[in-house]
C-alpha atoms as a PDB file:
ATOM      1  CA  MET A   1     313.775  96.738  78.833  1.00  0.00           C
ATOM      2  CA  PHE A   2     311.584  95.103  81.295  1.00  0.00           C
ATOM      3  CA  PRO A   3     308.325  96.499  81.785  1.00  0.00           C
ATOM      4  CA  SER A   4     307.346  98.769  84.849  1.00  0.00           C
ATOM      5  CA  PRO A   5     306.441  97.312  88.008  1.00  0.00           C
ATOM      6  CA  ALA A   6     303.067  98.611  87.221  1.00  0.00           C
ATOM      7  CA  TYR A   7     302.555  97.332  83.960  1.00  0.00           C
ATOM      8  CA  PHE A   8     303.569  94.155  85.321  1.00  0.00           C
ATOM      9  CA  LEU A   9     301.198  94.088  87.937  1.00  0.00           C
ATOM     10  CA  GLN A  10     298.582  95.301  85.801  1.00  0.00           C
ATOM     11  CA  PHE A  11     299.208  92.103  83.781  1.00  0.00           C
ATOM     12  CA  LEU A  12     299.640  89.381  86.099  1.00  0.00           C
ATOM     13  CA  ARG A  13     296.578  90.883  88.491  1.00  0.00           C
ATOM     14  CA  LEU A  14     294.580  90.257  84.954  1.00  0.00           C
ATOM     15  CA  PHE A  15     295.619  86.683  84.226  1.00  0.00           C
ATOM     16  CA  VAL A  16     295.476  85.379  87.900  1.00  0.00           C
ATOM     17  CA  ASP A  17     291.811  87.016  88.227  1.00  0.00           C
ATOM     18  CA  ASN A  18     290.260  85.559  84.985  1.00  0.00           C
ATOM     19  CA  SER A  19     292.372  82.490  85.293  1.00  0.00           C
ATOM     20  CA  LEU A  20     290.686  79.239  86.694  1.00  0.00           C
ATOM     21  CA  ILE A  21     293.870  77.766  87.985  1.00  0.00           C
ATOM     22  CA  ALA A  22     293.804  76.458  91.670  1.00  0.00           C
ATOM     23  CA  PRO A  23     293.970  78.560  94.636  1.00  0.00           C
ATOM     24  CA  ARG A  24     297.291  77.396  95.704  1.00  0.00           C
ATOM     25  CA  TRP A  25     298.813  78.118  92.729  1.00  0.00           C
ATOM     26  CA  LYS A  26     296.597  81.723  92.252  1.00  0.00           C
ATOM     27  CA  GLU A  27     298.111  82.274  95.874  1.00  0.00           C
ATOM     28  CA  SER A  28     301.875  81.716  94.808  1.00  0.00           C
ATOM     29  CA  ALA A  29     301.612  83.712  91.506  1.00  0.00           C
ATOM     30  CA  LEU A  30     300.575  86.609  93.819  1.00  0.00           C
ATOM     31  CA  ARG A  31     302.941  85.965  96.480  1.00  0.00           C
ATOM     32  CA  PHE A  32     305.705  86.135  93.457  1.00  0.00           C
ATOM     33  CA  ALA A  33     304.293  89.413  92.242  1.00  0.00           C
ATOM     34  CA  VAL A  34     304.095  90.942  95.820  1.00  0.00           C
ATOM     35  CA  ALA A  35     307.810  89.868  96.443  1.00  0.00           C
ATOM     36  CA  VAL A  36     308.664  91.279  92.742  1.00  0.00           C
ATOM     37  CA  VAL A  37     307.198  94.709  93.654  1.00  0.00           C
ATOM     38  CA  ASP A  38     308.733  94.860  96.862  1.00  0.00           C
ATOM     39  CA  ASP A  39     312.023  94.224  95.456  1.00  0.00           C
ATOM     40  CA  SER A  40     311.496  96.899  93.061  1.00  0.00           C
ATOM     41  CA  ARG A  41     310.421  99.103  95.291  1.00  0.00           C
ATOM     42  CA  GLN A  42     313.491  98.648  97.461  1.00  0.00           C
ATOM     43  CA  ARG A  43     315.645  99.276  94.222  1.00  0.00           C
ATOM     44  CA  ALA A  44     314.087 102.589  93.504  1.00  0.00           C
ATOM     45  CA  CYS A  45     315.222 105.934  94.343  1.00  0.00           C
ATOM     46  CA  THR A  46     313.990 107.493  97.969  1.00  0.00           C
ATOM     47  CA  GLY A  47     313.110 110.518  95.816  1.00  0.00           C
ATOM     48  CA  SER A  48     309.577 111.869  95.549  1.00  0.00           C
ATOM     49  CA  ARG A  49     307.463 109.416  94.171  1.00  0.00           C
ATOM     50  CA  SER A  50     305.971 109.435  90.599  1.00  0.00           C
ATOM     51  CA  ASP A  51     302.723 108.590  89.306  1.00  0.00           C
ATOM     52  CA  ASP A  52     304.076 105.313  88.077  1.00  0.00           C
ATOM     53  CA  GLY A  53     305.372 104.456  92.039  1.00  0.00           C
ATOM     54  CA  ARG A  54     301.824 105.777  92.917  1.00  0.00           C
ATOM     55  CA  GLN A  55     300.386 103.240  90.688  1.00  0.00           C
ATOM     56  CA  VAL A  56     302.433 100.454  91.922  1.00  0.00           C
ATOM     57  CA  GLN A  57     301.570 100.904  95.655  1.00  0.00           C
ATOM     58  CA  LEU A  58     298.183 101.029  94.594  1.00  0.00           C
ATOM     59  CA  GLU A  59     298.294  97.783  92.651  1.00  0.00           C
ATOM     60  CA  LEU A  60     300.881  95.879  95.110  1.00  0.00           C
ATOM     61  CA  ALA A  61     297.492  97.096  97.440  1.00  0.00           C
ATOM     62  CA  GLY A  62     295.253  95.624  95.397  1.00  0.00           C
ATOM     63  CA  LEU A  63     297.294  92.592  95.144  1.00  0.00           C
ATOM     64  CA  ARG A  64     297.601  92.160  98.992  1.00  0.00           C
ATOM     65  CA  ARG A  65     293.946  91.940  99.021  1.00  0.00           C
ATOM     66  CA  THR A  66     293.777  89.518  96.344  1.00  0.00           C
ATOM     67  CA  LEU A  67     295.863  87.285  97.921  1.00  0.00           C
ATOM     68  CA  GLU A  68     294.177  87.472 101.487  1.00  0.00           C
ATOM     69  CA  TRP A  69     290.907  86.548  99.502  1.00  0.00           C
ATOM     70  CA  THR A  70     292.565  83.607  98.060  1.00  0.00           C
ATOM     71  CA  ARG A  71     293.814  82.672 101.105  1.00  0.00           C
ATOM     72  CA  ILE A  72     290.274  82.685 102.600  1.00  0.00           C
ATOM     73  CA  GLN A  73     288.769  80.905  99.430  1.00  0.00           C
ATOM     74  CA  ARG A  74     291.309  78.324  99.953  1.00  0.00           C
ATOM     75  CA  GLU A  75     290.040  77.846 103.509  1.00  0.00           C
ATOM     76  CA  GLN A  76     286.583  77.627 102.412  1.00  0.00           C
ATOM     77  CA  LEU A  77     287.207  75.092  99.586  1.00  0.00           C
ATOM     78  CA  LEU A  78     289.691  72.723 102.123  1.00  0.00           C
ATOM     79  CA  ASP A  79     286.516  72.717 104.284  1.00  0.00           C
ATOM     80  CA  ARG A  80     284.457  71.940 101.459  1.00  0.00           C
ATOM     81  CA  LEU A  81     286.423  69.116 100.458  1.00  0.00           C
ATOM     82  CA  ASP A  82     286.584  67.872 104.180  1.00  0.00           C
ATOM     83  CA  LEU A  83     282.657  67.561 104.265  1.00  0.00           C
ATOM     84  CA  LEU A  84     282.381  66.175 100.984  1.00  0.00           C
ATOM     85  CA  ARG A  85     284.852  63.539 102.122  1.00  0.00           C
ATOM     86  CA  LEU A  86     282.657  62.808 105.318  1.00  0.00           C
ATOM     87  CA  ASP A  87     279.394  63.099 102.914  1.00  0.00           C
ATOM     88  CA  ASN A  88     281.009  60.489 100.352  1.00  0.00           C
ATOM     89  CA  GLN A  89     282.267  58.187 102.982  1.00  0.00           C
ATOM     90  CA  ARG A  90     278.275  57.862 104.739  1.00  0.00           C
ATOM     91  CA  LEU A  91     276.907  57.331 101.250  1.00  0.00           C
ATOM     92  CA  GLN A  92     279.574  54.481 100.953  1.00  0.00           C
ATOM     93  CA  ASP A  93     278.703  53.293 104.334  1.00  0.00           C
ATOM     94  CA  ARG A  94     274.910  53.514 103.294  1.00  0.00           C
ATOM     95  CA  VAL A  95     275.558  51.620  99.927  1.00  0.00           C
ATOM     96  CA  GLU A  96     277.251  48.818 101.824  1.00  0.00           C
ATOM     97  CA  ASP A  97     274.294  48.289 104.479  1.00  0.00           C
ATOM     98  CA  LEU A  98     271.894  48.215 101.566  1.00  0.00           C
ATOM     99  CA  GLU A  99     273.942  45.537  99.485  1.00  0.00           C
ATOM    100  CA  ARG A 100     274.249  43.285 102.551  1.00  0.00           C
ATOM    101  CA  ARG A 101     270.582  43.424 103.182  1.00  0.00           C
ATOM    102  CA  LEU A 102     269.681  42.776  99.823  1.00  0.00           C
ATOM    103  CA  ALA A 103     272.056  39.709  99.777  1.00  0.00           C
ATOM    104  CA  GLU A 104     270.208  38.689 102.566  1.00  0.00           C
ATOM    105  CA  ILE A 105     266.752  39.336 101.438  1.00  0.00           C
ATOM    106  CA  LYS A 106     267.995  36.863  98.306  1.00  0.00           C
ATOM    107  CA  GLN A 107     268.885  34.545 100.403  1.00  0.00           C
ATOM    108  CA  GLN A 108     265.609  34.200 102.164  1.00  0.00           C
ATOM    109  CA  GLN A 109     263.738  33.587  99.350  1.00  0.00           C
ATOM    110  CA  PRO A 110     262.671  30.233  98.204  1.00  0.00           C
ATOM    111  CA  LEU A 111     263.985  28.964  94.849  1.00  0.00           C
ATOM    112  CA  PHE A 112     261.387  28.400  92.170  1.00  0.00           C
END
């Protein structure tokens, strides 16, 4: 017997929230969880909602919020990466300029 959707979501959310996985993998895991719960909800009877059903709805809403936050974090990280790349290029250009100037100074000094 498979665990209930609520149990699955609690387990996956705990794992995703406390892991050090990259944002893109975290987003994929959350998308998978949302898809599993949506599928489970569609397969369920349309009768009255049980406590488990309400729990699933709450967990699903929480996962959707976490997914949105993960997307925001991913965009922020990509922006930071772009800025770091620009800064790195600027520093590399500065190093090359200083090395060139040092070589010029060495050539100008008389040999003793």
